Protein backbone atom coordinates (compact mmCIF):
# COMPACT_ATOMS: atom_id res chain seq x y z
CA MET A 1 33.93 -10.15 -37.52
CA ILE A 2 31.18 -7.55 -37.56
CA ASN A 3 32.59 -4.09 -38.23
CA LYS A 4 30.19 -1.60 -36.66
CA ASN A 5 32.17 1.27 -38.22
CA GLU A 6 32.00 0.08 -41.83
CA LEU A 7 30.62 2.70 -44.18
CA LEU A 8 27.24 1.91 -45.69
CA PHE A 9 25.58 3.43 -48.70
CA ALA A 10 22.96 5.70 -47.09
CA VAL A 11 19.87 6.60 -49.11
CA ASP A 12 16.66 8.55 -48.59
CA GLU A 13 13.21 6.96 -48.24
CA ASN A 14 13.02 6.72 -52.07
CA ASN A 15 16.36 4.85 -52.32
CA GLN A 16 18.19 7.91 -53.67
CA PRO A 17 21.86 8.27 -52.60
CA ILE A 18 22.67 10.65 -49.77
CA GLU A 19 26.05 10.09 -48.12
CA PRO A 20 28.15 7.40 -46.48
CA VAL A 21 27.15 6.51 -42.92
CA GLU A 22 28.72 4.20 -40.34
CA ARG A 23 26.85 0.92 -39.78
CA HIS A 24 26.24 1.52 -36.07
CA ARG A 25 24.81 4.97 -36.80
CA ALA A 26 22.56 3.67 -39.58
CA HIS A 27 21.07 1.13 -37.17
CA SER A 28 20.86 3.32 -34.08
CA GLU A 29 19.48 6.39 -35.84
CA GLY A 30 17.23 4.69 -38.39
CA VAL A 31 19.11 5.80 -41.50
CA TRP A 32 17.90 4.16 -44.72
CA HIS A 33 20.60 2.02 -46.35
CA ARG A 34 20.98 -0.81 -48.86
CA ASN A 35 21.33 -4.52 -48.32
CA ALA A 36 21.72 -7.50 -50.67
CA HIS A 37 20.09 -10.89 -50.08
CA VAL A 38 21.02 -13.87 -52.22
CA TRP A 39 18.79 -16.95 -52.25
CA VAL A 40 20.82 -19.95 -53.43
CA LEU A 41 18.75 -22.62 -55.19
CA ASN A 42 19.62 -26.01 -56.64
CA SER A 43 17.98 -28.29 -59.21
CA LYS A 44 16.41 -30.43 -56.44
CA ASN A 45 14.04 -27.61 -55.40
CA GLU A 46 16.15 -26.88 -52.32
CA VAL A 47 17.31 -23.60 -50.84
CA LEU A 48 20.70 -23.23 -49.18
CA CYS A 49 20.07 -22.04 -45.61
CA ASN A 50 22.28 -20.99 -42.72
CA LYS A 51 22.08 -20.72 -38.99
CA ARG A 52 23.23 -17.23 -38.02
CA SER A 53 26.09 -16.84 -35.59
CA VAL A 54 25.10 -15.92 -32.04
CA SER A 55 27.43 -12.88 -32.36
CA LYS A 56 25.22 -11.26 -35.03
CA ASP A 57 23.38 -8.09 -34.00
CA HIS A 58 20.16 -9.07 -35.81
CA ASN A 59 18.47 -12.46 -35.35
CA PRO A 60 21.43 -14.19 -33.64
CA GLY A 61 21.25 -17.99 -33.63
CA LEU A 62 18.25 -18.13 -35.98
CA TRP A 63 17.99 -19.90 -39.33
CA GLU A 64 17.62 -17.91 -42.54
CA ALA A 65 17.18 -18.86 -46.17
CA PHE A 66 19.49 -16.31 -47.77
CA PHE A 67 23.02 -14.94 -47.64
CA GLY A 68 24.07 -11.35 -47.85
CA GLY A 69 24.72 -8.17 -46.06
CA HIS A 70 25.06 -4.43 -46.24
CA ILE A 71 26.07 -2.73 -49.46
CA LEU A 72 29.16 -0.70 -48.77
CA VAL A 73 30.07 2.71 -50.15
CA GLY A 74 31.20 2.61 -53.78
CA ILE A 75 29.73 -0.83 -54.55
CA SER A 76 26.68 -1.57 -56.69
CA PRO A 77 23.98 -3.85 -55.25
CA VAL A 78 24.90 -6.76 -57.54
CA GLN A 79 28.61 -6.33 -56.73
CA GLY A 80 27.67 -6.36 -53.04
CA ALA A 81 25.72 -9.59 -53.54
CA ILE A 82 28.65 -11.20 -55.37
CA MET A 83 31.04 -10.07 -52.65
CA GLU A 84 28.80 -11.48 -49.89
CA LEU A 85 28.50 -14.87 -51.65
CA HIS A 86 32.27 -15.09 -51.81
CA GLU A 87 32.93 -13.82 -48.28
CA GLU A 88 30.24 -15.90 -46.59
CA LEU A 89 30.43 -19.14 -48.61
CA GLY A 90 33.53 -19.03 -50.79
CA LEU A 91 31.31 -19.12 -53.91
CA ARG A 92 32.37 -17.25 -57.01
CA ALA A 93 29.70 -15.63 -59.16
CA GLU A 94 29.54 -13.19 -62.05
CA GLU A 95 26.90 -10.49 -62.52
CA PRO A 96 24.90 -12.53 -65.11
CA ASP A 97 24.70 -15.43 -62.60
CA LEU A 98 22.52 -13.40 -60.21
CA LYS A 99 18.91 -12.68 -61.13
CA LEU A 100 17.27 -9.74 -59.38
CA TRP A 101 13.84 -10.68 -58.02
CA LYS A 102 12.98 -7.18 -56.73
CA VAL A 103 14.04 -4.38 -54.43
CA VAL A 104 12.08 -4.43 -51.18
CA LYS A 105 11.65 -1.41 -48.92
CA HIS A 106 11.82 -2.93 -45.46
CA TYR A 107 11.63 -1.50 -41.96
CA TYR A 108 12.55 -3.58 -38.92
CA GLU A 109 11.10 -2.72 -35.52
CA ASP A 110 14.46 -1.59 -34.15
CA LYS A 111 15.02 1.33 -36.57
CA ASN A 112 16.86 -0.81 -39.15
CA LYS A 113 15.59 0.70 -42.41
CA GLU A 114 16.75 -1.05 -45.57
CA PHE A 115 16.20 -1.32 -49.28
CA ILE A 116 16.88 -5.01 -49.85
CA TYR A 117 18.04 -6.12 -53.29
CA VAL A 118 16.86 -9.74 -53.47
CA TYR A 119 18.78 -11.97 -55.89
CA ILE A 120 18.40 -15.60 -57.00
CA PHE A 121 21.54 -17.70 -57.64
CA PHE A 122 21.58 -21.30 -58.92
CA TRP A 123 24.24 -23.64 -57.58
CA ASP A 124 24.19 -27.43 -57.53
CA GLY A 125 27.19 -27.91 -55.28
CA ASP A 126 27.81 -29.91 -52.13
CA VAL A 127 27.58 -28.11 -48.79
CA ASP A 128 30.80 -29.82 -47.69
CA SER A 129 32.70 -27.94 -50.43
CA LEU A 130 31.80 -24.55 -48.95
CA SER A 131 34.14 -22.53 -46.79
CA PHE A 132 31.57 -20.57 -44.85
CA GLU A 133 32.46 -17.66 -42.63
CA LYS A 134 32.34 -18.76 -38.98
CA GLU A 135 31.72 -15.21 -37.70
CA GLU A 136 28.58 -15.02 -39.85
CA MET A 137 27.04 -18.48 -39.44
CA ASP A 138 27.30 -21.67 -37.44
CA GLU A 139 25.86 -24.14 -39.95
CA VAL A 140 24.81 -24.41 -43.61
CA LYS A 141 22.39 -26.94 -45.13
CA TRP A 142 20.05 -27.52 -48.06
CA VAL A 143 16.35 -27.29 -47.15
CA ALA A 144 13.48 -28.41 -49.40
CA LEU A 145 11.46 -25.51 -50.78
CA GLU A 146 8.21 -27.13 -49.63
CA LEU A 147 9.53 -27.38 -46.06
CA LEU A 148 10.46 -23.68 -46.12
CA LYS A 149 6.91 -22.84 -47.18
CA LYS A 150 5.54 -24.88 -44.25
CA LEU A 151 7.98 -23.24 -41.82
CA ASP A 152 6.95 -19.80 -43.08
CA ALA A 153 3.25 -20.62 -42.68
CA SER A 154 3.83 -21.93 -39.16
CA LYS A 155 5.81 -18.79 -38.22
CA ASP A 156 8.45 -21.05 -36.65
CA GLU A 157 10.42 -18.83 -34.25
CA SER A 158 13.76 -20.51 -35.06
CA TRP A 159 13.67 -18.94 -38.56
CA THR A 160 14.01 -15.27 -39.54
CA PHE A 161 10.88 -15.28 -41.71
CA LYS A 162 9.13 -13.05 -39.19
CA SER A 163 11.52 -10.21 -40.04
CA PHE A 164 11.01 -10.34 -43.82
CA ILE A 165 7.37 -9.75 -44.73
CA HIS A 166 7.81 -10.64 -48.42
CA VAL A 167 9.06 -14.19 -47.84
CA SER A 168 5.77 -15.88 -48.78
CA GLU A 169 5.66 -13.99 -52.06
CA LEU A 170 9.30 -14.86 -52.77
CA LEU A 171 8.82 -18.55 -51.96
CA GLU A 172 5.86 -18.65 -54.35
CA PHE A 173 7.96 -16.94 -57.03
CA ILE A 174 10.75 -19.49 -56.52
CA THR A 175 8.21 -22.35 -56.72
CA ASN A 176 6.93 -21.07 -60.08
CA LEU A 177 10.47 -20.39 -61.27
CA LYS A 178 11.51 -23.96 -60.48
CA ILE A 179 8.40 -25.43 -62.18
CA ASN A 180 9.04 -23.43 -65.34
CA ALA A 181 12.83 -23.84 -65.37
């Protein structure tokens, strides 16, 4: 369940710590905060994707190619990413398992201002073995990297690509990563 009163790690426009702030206030007042996104890849050049629950306050019912969420007070970005993987999918990861791609300063149209820590995680498991969080997502599936690139280029409205301006750059990075792996 979405906790609108959870305390987020508020930062200034340079990603420097300020003070804890409630989630609802961060979103309604445009307070900068931190978020972790984890892109799960497998050895078949596929990305684990999920259809967001209709109860989500951002992009309800849309498909996205990452897992993650807000970084709470007292938790490092990588710890937040590990926590989200476990909460949302039941996957266990250690810090060395997650590779930081970059930190993206991102502003959504509705005052949601975030520094997004984007991680890559390799997992060759079966979707049926996951215990995904029903409050967060309705469905999980593997999607070919090439199909994601086509969906991004088409600006398909059933995907959240439109809200993350760096997705093309990230998909290209993943393509090169997979070729050189």
